């Protein structure tokens, strides 16, 4: 069975779910990596090291900047000439657009945000969340080739074999772009929730510490934000100790406690870490759909009836301002730090 795997990258910075897609493809048979862009030789070599049997490298000036028309046309042209059984892409904003356009060219469909995929003869059964994660469905694509975008961290990442070689075949770009890129800017952010193995999140409860006295001259709202920032400092200490990232509920973001880049949920990031610690998060459905696929969920909340406890494997009913520092100290001893 032959599978195409699109390696999504921005200026050589690869989306880690691309390697997870490559590992999934290898479980079905032959995996051929697709790398588009200019100066992407290192990405092509990395694809071989992560297990690709071959790389088709479209190093063309028409692909210098991402434009859906040329990227989708190149993908569909390669699929038409090589006839893969399956095309896998990581789930990103770019690949959703690109896959949809290529599917029209190929007269097939797209299975999106797949968290499980199994072969069934010459077809595939996909597992994916629907209705904002409230239900899980199993579905198939009747078109050929089958095209699917996979959810990050839903599949294991293959081990990298440094120096592993293989065939890199240069291919041409296809199609003409009807749009042009005049320029762009990339926001600098150290937040990478999608790839984090551990996430410690804070909710509205991080501002509820009346024992803290805010600096003089603050109004009520300023004092609330200041208290919340002290709460997030505790959360950050624990996340840093565990080598994880700091997340937040929408309520915390809307309250101005922390930036949107940290938001987990329906209108934020959908994450699948190994460990998710929710501190002062009530557990509104909007937040739960973004983190319910974590392997282990720990909830810390002083309200024993908080909805977050319904999805948590472990729950601590208590004041996060006492529990989180105690947990941090205990983990320091456990980890010898």
Protein backbone atom coordinates (compact mmCIF):
# COMPACT_ATOMS: atom_id res chain seq x y z
CA UNK A 1 0.00 0.00 0.00
CA UNK A 2 1.38 3.40 -1.00
CA UNK A 3 0.81 6.47 1.17
CA UNK A 4 1.66 10.11 0.49
CA UNK A 5 2.55 12.16 3.56
CA UNK A 6 2.58 15.93 3.20
CA UNK A 7 5.27 17.47 5.42
CA UNK A 8 3.86 20.80 6.56
CA UNK A 9 6.53 23.37 7.37
CA UNK A 10 7.06 27.11 7.51
CA UNK A 11 10.51 28.15 6.31
CA UNK A 12 11.92 24.79 7.38
CA UNK A 13 10.15 24.66 10.76
CA UNK A 14 8.18 21.41 10.51
CA UNK A 15 4.85 20.79 12.22
CA UNK A 16 5.63 17.78 14.47
CA UNK A 17 2.36 16.08 13.51
CA UNK A 18 3.91 15.64 10.04
CA UNK A 19 6.31 13.09 11.52
CA UNK A 20 3.42 11.40 13.34
CA UNK A 21 1.63 11.12 9.99
CA UNK A 22 4.79 9.58 8.53
CA UNK A 23 4.90 6.98 11.28
CA UNK A 24 1.24 6.15 10.65
CA UNK A 25 1.90 5.79 6.92
CA UNK A 26 4.74 3.34 7.56
CA UNK A 27 2.34 1.10 9.48
CA UNK A 28 0.36 0.66 6.26
CA UNK A 29 3.29 0.04 3.89
CA UNK A 30 5.30 2.38 1.68
CA UNK A 31 5.49 6.02 2.84
CA UNK A 32 6.38 8.74 0.34
CA UNK A 33 6.95 12.17 1.85
CA UNK A 34 5.97 15.32 -0.04
CA UNK A 35 8.02 18.44 0.67
CA UNK A 36 7.08 21.73 -0.99
CA UNK A 37 8.90 25.08 -0.88
CA UNK A 38 12.27 26.55 -1.67
CA UNK A 39 15.50 25.69 0.14
CA UNK A 40 13.76 22.74 1.81
CA UNK A 41 16.58 20.20 1.35
CA UNK A 42 17.01 19.82 5.12
CA UNK A 43 13.31 19.06 5.53
CA UNK A 44 13.56 16.40 2.81
CA UNK A 45 16.59 14.81 4.54
CA UNK A 46 14.76 14.87 7.87
CA UNK A 47 11.81 13.07 6.26
CA UNK A 48 14.13 10.22 5.29
CA UNK A 49 15.54 10.11 8.82
CA UNK A 50 12.01 9.81 10.21
CA UNK A 51 11.33 6.81 8.01
CA UNK A 52 10.15 7.97 4.59
CA UNK A 53 10.91 5.43 1.86
CA UNK A 54 11.20 8.25 -0.69
CA UNK A 55 10.81 12.01 -0.80
CA UNK A 56 9.22 13.98 -3.63
CA UNK A 57 10.71 17.46 -3.32
CA UNK A 58 9.00 20.32 -5.16
CA UNK A 59 11.68 22.99 -4.83
CA UNK A 60 10.21 25.71 -7.01
CA UNK A 61 10.04 29.50 -6.80
CA UNK A 62 6.26 29.25 -7.27
CA UNK A 63 6.17 27.56 -3.87
CA UNK A 64 8.34 30.04 -1.98
CA UNK A 65 5.33 31.30 -0.04
CA UNK A 66 2.29 29.24 0.79
CA UNK A 67 -0.55 29.88 -1.64
CA UNK A 68 -3.36 27.37 -1.65
CA UNK A 69 -3.76 27.31 -5.43
CA UNK A 70 -0.22 26.20 -6.26
CA UNK A 71 0.22 23.91 -3.26
CA UNK A 72 -3.10 22.11 -3.85
CA UNK A 73 -2.46 21.82 -7.59
CA UNK A 74 0.99 20.35 -6.99
CA UNK A 75 -0.41 17.83 -4.52
CA UNK A 76 -3.21 16.74 -6.84
CA UNK A 77 -0.85 16.51 -9.84
CA UNK A 78 1.52 14.24 -7.93
CA UNK A 79 -1.37 12.11 -6.69
CA UNK A 80 -2.68 11.74 -10.24
CA UNK A 81 0.70 10.61 -11.57
CA UNK A 82 1.70 8.33 -8.66
CA UNK A 83 -1.72 6.90 -7.64
CA UNK A 84 -1.29 6.60 -3.86
CA UNK A 85 -3.92 4.68 -1.89
CA UNK A 86 -3.86 7.22 0.94
CA UNK A 87 -2.78 10.83 1.43
CA UNK A 88 -2.05 12.00 4.98
CA UNK A 89 -1.56 15.57 6.18
CA UNK A 90 -1.20 17.02 9.69
CA UNK A 91 -4.20 19.10 10.73
CA UNK A 92 -3.32 22.79 10.40
CA UNK A 93 -5.05 25.83 8.95
CA UNK A 94 -2.93 25.47 5.78
CA UNK A 95 -3.56 21.79 5.26
CA UNK A 96 -7.32 22.04 5.78
CA UNK A 97 -7.49 24.53 2.92
CA UNK A 98 -4.99 22.71 0.75
CA UNK A 99 -6.58 19.28 1.22
CA UNK A 100 -10.06 20.57 0.42
CA UNK A 101 -8.90 22.11 -2.85
CA UNK A 102 -6.86 19.05 -3.86
CA UNK A 103 -9.81 16.77 -3.08
CA UNK A 104 -11.91 18.65 -5.63
CA UNK A 105 -9.21 18.11 -8.27
CA UNK A 106 -9.04 14.40 -7.42
CA UNK A 107 -12.80 13.92 -7.09
CA UNK A 108 -12.47 12.52 -3.59
CA UNK A 109 -13.21 13.62 -0.03
CA UNK A 110 -11.25 14.56 3.09
CA UNK A 111 -11.46 12.97 6.54
CA UNK A 112 -10.49 15.78 8.91
CA UNK A 113 -8.95 15.86 12.39
CA UNK A 114 -8.55 12.09 12.49
CA UNK A 115 -7.50 10.57 15.82
CA UNK A 116 -7.51 6.94 14.69
CA UNK A 117 -7.12 5.22 11.31
CA UNK A 118 -7.24 1.55 10.39
CA UNK A 119 -7.04 -0.24 7.07
CA UNK A 120 -10.02 -2.34 6.00
CA UNK A 121 -9.17 -4.03 2.73
CA UNK A 122 -8.62 -1.23 0.22
CA UNK A 123 -10.50 1.30 2.34
CA UNK A 124 -9.81 3.02 5.67
CA UNK A 125 -11.93 3.50 8.78
CA UNK A 126 -11.26 6.81 10.49
CA UNK A 127 -12.04 7.78 14.07
CA UNK A 128 -12.68 11.48 14.63
CA UNK A 129 -14.44 13.81 17.08
CA UNK A 130 -17.69 15.50 16.00
CA UNK A 131 -20.08 18.05 17.50
CA UNK A 132 -17.24 19.96 19.16
CA UNK A 133 -15.85 16.77 20.65
CA UNK A 134 -19.10 15.68 22.32
CA UNK A 135 -19.18 12.48 20.24
CA UNK A 136 -16.66 10.25 18.50
CA UNK A 137 -17.56 8.78 15.11
CA UNK A 138 -16.12 6.12 12.84
CA UNK A 139 -16.38 7.01 9.18
CA UNK A 140 -15.03 6.12 5.76
CA UNK A 141 -14.23 8.03 2.58
CA UNK A 142 -15.81 6.49 -0.51
CA UNK A 143 -13.53 8.39 -2.90
CA UNK A 144 -10.05 7.36 -4.02
CA UNK A 145 -7.41 8.18 -3.02
CA UNK A 146 -8.46 8.49 0.59
CA UNK A 147 -7.30 11.81 2.02
CA UNK A 148 -7.09 12.53 5.76
CA UNK A 149 -5.71 15.19 8.09
CA UNK A 150 -4.56 13.80 11.43
CA UNK A 151 -4.86 15.37 14.86
CA UNK A 152 -1.56 16.28 16.50
CA UNK A 153 -0.29 13.89 19.21
CA UNK A 154 -2.97 11.35 18.33
CA UNK A 155 -0.37 8.98 16.85
CA UNK A 156 3.15 8.08 18.05
CA UNK A 157 6.10 9.98 16.62
CA UNK A 158 8.65 7.65 14.98
CA UNK A 159 12.22 7.63 16.19
CA UNK A 160 14.63 9.64 14.11
CA UNK A 161 17.55 7.73 12.59
CA UNK A 162 20.24 10.38 12.13
CA UNK A 163 22.06 10.16 8.82
CA UNK A 164 19.64 7.72 7.23
CA UNK A 165 19.66 8.23 3.47
CA UNK A 166 17.27 7.50 0.66
CA UNK A 167 15.90 8.73 -2.63
CA UNK A 168 14.97 12.39 -2.99
CA UNK A 169 13.27 13.03 -6.32
CA UNK A 170 12.88 16.57 -7.59
CA UNK A 171 9.41 17.30 -9.00
CA UNK A 172 7.86 20.38 -10.58
CA UNK A 173 5.23 22.67 -9.14
CA UNK A 174 1.86 22.67 -10.86
CA UNK A 175 -0.82 25.29 -11.40
CA UNK A 176 -0.73 29.06 -11.40
CA UNK A 177 -1.42 31.22 -8.39
CA UNK A 178 -4.18 33.81 -8.67
CA UNK A 179 -3.00 35.48 -5.47
CA UNK A 180 0.29 37.00 -4.45
CA UNK A 181 2.01 37.43 -1.10
CA UNK A 182 3.00 41.04 -0.52
CA UNK A 183 4.51 40.36 2.87
CA UNK A 184 3.84 38.81 6.24
CA UNK A 185 4.94 38.98 9.85
CA UNK A 186 5.24 36.14 12.30
CA UNK A 187 4.20 36.71 15.88
CA UNK A 188 6.90 35.72 18.33
CA UNK A 189 5.56 33.28 20.91
CA UNK A 190 7.12 30.73 23.21
CA UNK A 191 3.75 29.02 23.62
CA UNK A 192 3.50 25.69 21.81
CA UNK A 193 0.47 24.02 23.35
CA UNK A 194 -0.16 21.68 20.44
CA UNK A 195 3.15 19.83 20.93
CA UNK A 196 3.36 20.00 24.73
CA UNK A 197 3.45 16.72 26.62
CA UNK A 198 2.43 18.48 29.84
CA UNK A 199 0.09 21.46 30.16
CA UNK A 200 -0.80 23.25 33.38
CA UNK A 201 -3.82 25.51 32.88
CA UNK A 202 -5.43 28.25 34.93
CA UNK A 203 -9.01 29.45 34.93
CA UNK A 204 -10.96 32.27 36.50
CA UNK A 205 -10.14 30.82 39.92
CA UNK A 206 -6.52 32.05 39.70
CA UNK A 207 -7.77 35.54 40.61
CA UNK A 208 -9.60 34.42 43.77
CA UNK A 209 -6.90 34.87 46.37
CA UNK A 210 -8.15 37.49 48.84
CA UNK A 211 -5.04 37.09 51.01
CA UNK A 212 -3.01 38.98 48.41
CA UNK A 213 -2.94 42.74 48.81
CA UNK A 214 -2.56 44.54 45.47
CA UNK A 215 -0.34 47.63 45.15
CA UNK A 216 -1.94 50.91 46.18
CA UNK A 217 -3.81 52.89 43.56
CA UNK A 218 -5.32 49.95 41.67
CA UNK A 219 -9.02 49.90 40.91
CA UNK A 220 -11.08 46.72 41.35
CA UNK A 221 -10.39 45.36 37.87
CA UNK A 222 -6.68 46.10 38.03
CA UNK A 223 -6.49 44.35 41.40
CA UNK A 224 -8.29 41.30 39.95
CA UNK A 225 -5.81 41.05 37.07
CA UNK A 226 -2.87 41.53 39.42
CA UNK A 227 -4.08 38.70 41.68
CA UNK A 228 -4.57 36.49 38.63
CA UNK A 229 -1.04 37.17 37.46
CA UNK A 230 0.28 36.02 40.84
CA UNK A 231 -1.79 32.88 40.45
CA UNK A 232 -0.43 32.25 36.98
CA UNK A 233 3.08 32.69 38.38
CA UNK A 234 2.45 29.61 40.56
CA UNK A 235 1.10 27.72 37.56
CA UNK A 236 4.11 28.71 35.47
CA UNK A 237 6.49 27.44 38.17
CA UNK A 238 4.81 24.02 38.10
CA UNK A 239 4.68 23.89 34.29
CA UNK A 240 8.36 24.83 34.01
CA UNK A 241 9.34 22.20 36.56
CA UNK A 242 7.50 19.54 34.58
CA UNK A 243 8.90 20.71 31.25
CA UNK A 244 5.44 21.72 30.10
CA UNK A 245 3.46 24.69 28.82
CA UNK A 246 1.01 27.08 30.44
CA UNK A 247 -2.59 26.95 29.27
CA UNK A 248 -5.68 28.94 30.19
CA UNK A 249 -9.45 28.86 29.95
CA UNK A 250 -11.38 31.37 27.88
CA UNK A 251 -12.58 33.05 31.08
CA UNK A 252 -8.97 33.71 32.10
CA UNK A 253 -8.12 35.11 28.67
CA UNK A 254 -11.26 37.25 28.48
CA UNK A 255 -10.48 38.55 31.95
CA UNK A 256 -7.13 39.85 30.72
CA UNK A 257 -5.17 37.52 32.98
CA UNK A 258 -3.07 36.01 30.17
CA UNK A 259 -2.75 36.25 26.39
CA UNK A 260 -4.89 34.40 23.87
CA UNK A 261 -1.90 32.29 22.74
CA UNK A 262 -2.43 30.23 25.93
CA UNK A 263 -6.15 29.57 25.45
CA UNK A 264 -7.31 25.95 25.37
CA UNK A 265 -10.77 25.17 24.11
CA UNK A 266 -13.20 25.42 21.24
CA UNK A 267 -12.06 28.93 20.31
CA UNK A 268 -8.45 28.31 21.35
CA UNK A 269 -6.13 25.34 20.95
CA UNK A 270 -7.26 21.72 20.90
CA UNK A 271 -4.57 19.78 22.77
CA UNK A 272 -3.73 16.15 23.53
CA UNK A 273 -0.93 16.17 26.13
CA UNK A 274 0.15 13.22 28.24
CA UNK A 275 -0.75 15.21 31.36
CA UNK A 276 -3.21 18.11 31.76
CA UNK A 277 -3.47 19.86 35.13
CA UNK A 278 -6.46 22.22 35.41
CA UNK A 279 -6.14 24.76 38.22
CA UNK A 280 -9.18 26.83 39.10
CA UNK A 281 -10.87 25.81 35.86
CA UNK A 282 -14.60 25.21 36.30
CA UNK A 283 -14.89 22.96 33.24
CA UNK A 284 -17.25 24.65 30.81
CA UNK A 285 -17.90 22.49 27.74
CA UNK A 286 -16.06 25.06 25.58
CA UNK A 287 -12.89 24.29 27.55
CA UNK A 288 -13.43 20.55 27.89
CA UNK A 289 -13.68 19.96 24.13
CA UNK A 290 -10.18 21.39 23.83
CA UNK A 291 -8.48 19.12 26.37
CA UNK A 292 -10.61 16.02 26.90
CA UNK A 293 -8.20 13.91 24.79
CA UNK A 294 -5.37 14.36 27.29
CA UNK A 295 -4.13 10.98 28.48
CA UNK A 296 -4.31 11.99 32.15
CA UNK A 297 -6.36 14.91 33.50
CA UNK A 298 -5.84 16.30 37.00
CA UNK A 299 -8.31 18.90 38.35
CA UNK A 300 -7.68 21.25 41.27
CA UNK A 301 -10.73 23.23 42.32
CA UNK A 302 -12.27 24.22 45.64
CA UNK A 303 -15.79 23.63 44.28
CA UNK A 304 -16.51 19.89 44.62
CA UNK A 305 -19.35 20.20 42.08
CA UNK A 306 -17.20 21.80 39.35
CA UNK A 307 -17.87 20.07 35.97
CA UNK A 308 -14.12 19.63 35.42
CA UNK A 309 -14.16 16.73 37.91
CA UNK A 310 -16.40 14.73 35.56
CA UNK A 311 -13.59 14.40 32.99
CA UNK A 312 -10.64 14.28 35.41
CA UNK A 313 -8.94 11.03 36.35
CA UNK A 314 -7.65 12.64 39.55
CA UNK A 315 -9.37 15.44 41.42
CA UNK A 316 -8.19 17.60 44.30
CA UNK A 317 -10.85 19.60 46.11
CA UNK A 318 -8.92 22.46 47.61
CA UNK A 319 -7.52 25.97 47.25
CA UNK A 320 -5.16 26.07 44.27
CA UNK A 321 -3.03 28.67 46.08
CA UNK A 322 -2.21 26.01 48.65
CA UNK A 323 -2.32 22.88 46.48
CA UNK A 324 -0.22 24.09 43.53
CA UNK A 325 2.80 25.28 45.62
CA UNK A 326 2.63 22.04 47.64
CA UNK A 327 2.52 20.00 44.43
CA UNK A 328 5.44 21.95 43.02
CA UNK A 329 7.55 21.31 46.12
CA UNK A 330 6.64 17.61 46.11
CA UNK A 331 7.60 17.31 42.44
CA UNK A 332 10.92 19.07 43.09
CA UNK A 333 11.78 16.41 45.65
CA UNK A 334 10.54 13.62 43.39
CA UNK A 335 12.57 14.89 40.46
CA UNK A 336 15.59 15.80 42.55
CA UNK A 337 15.47 19.49 41.58
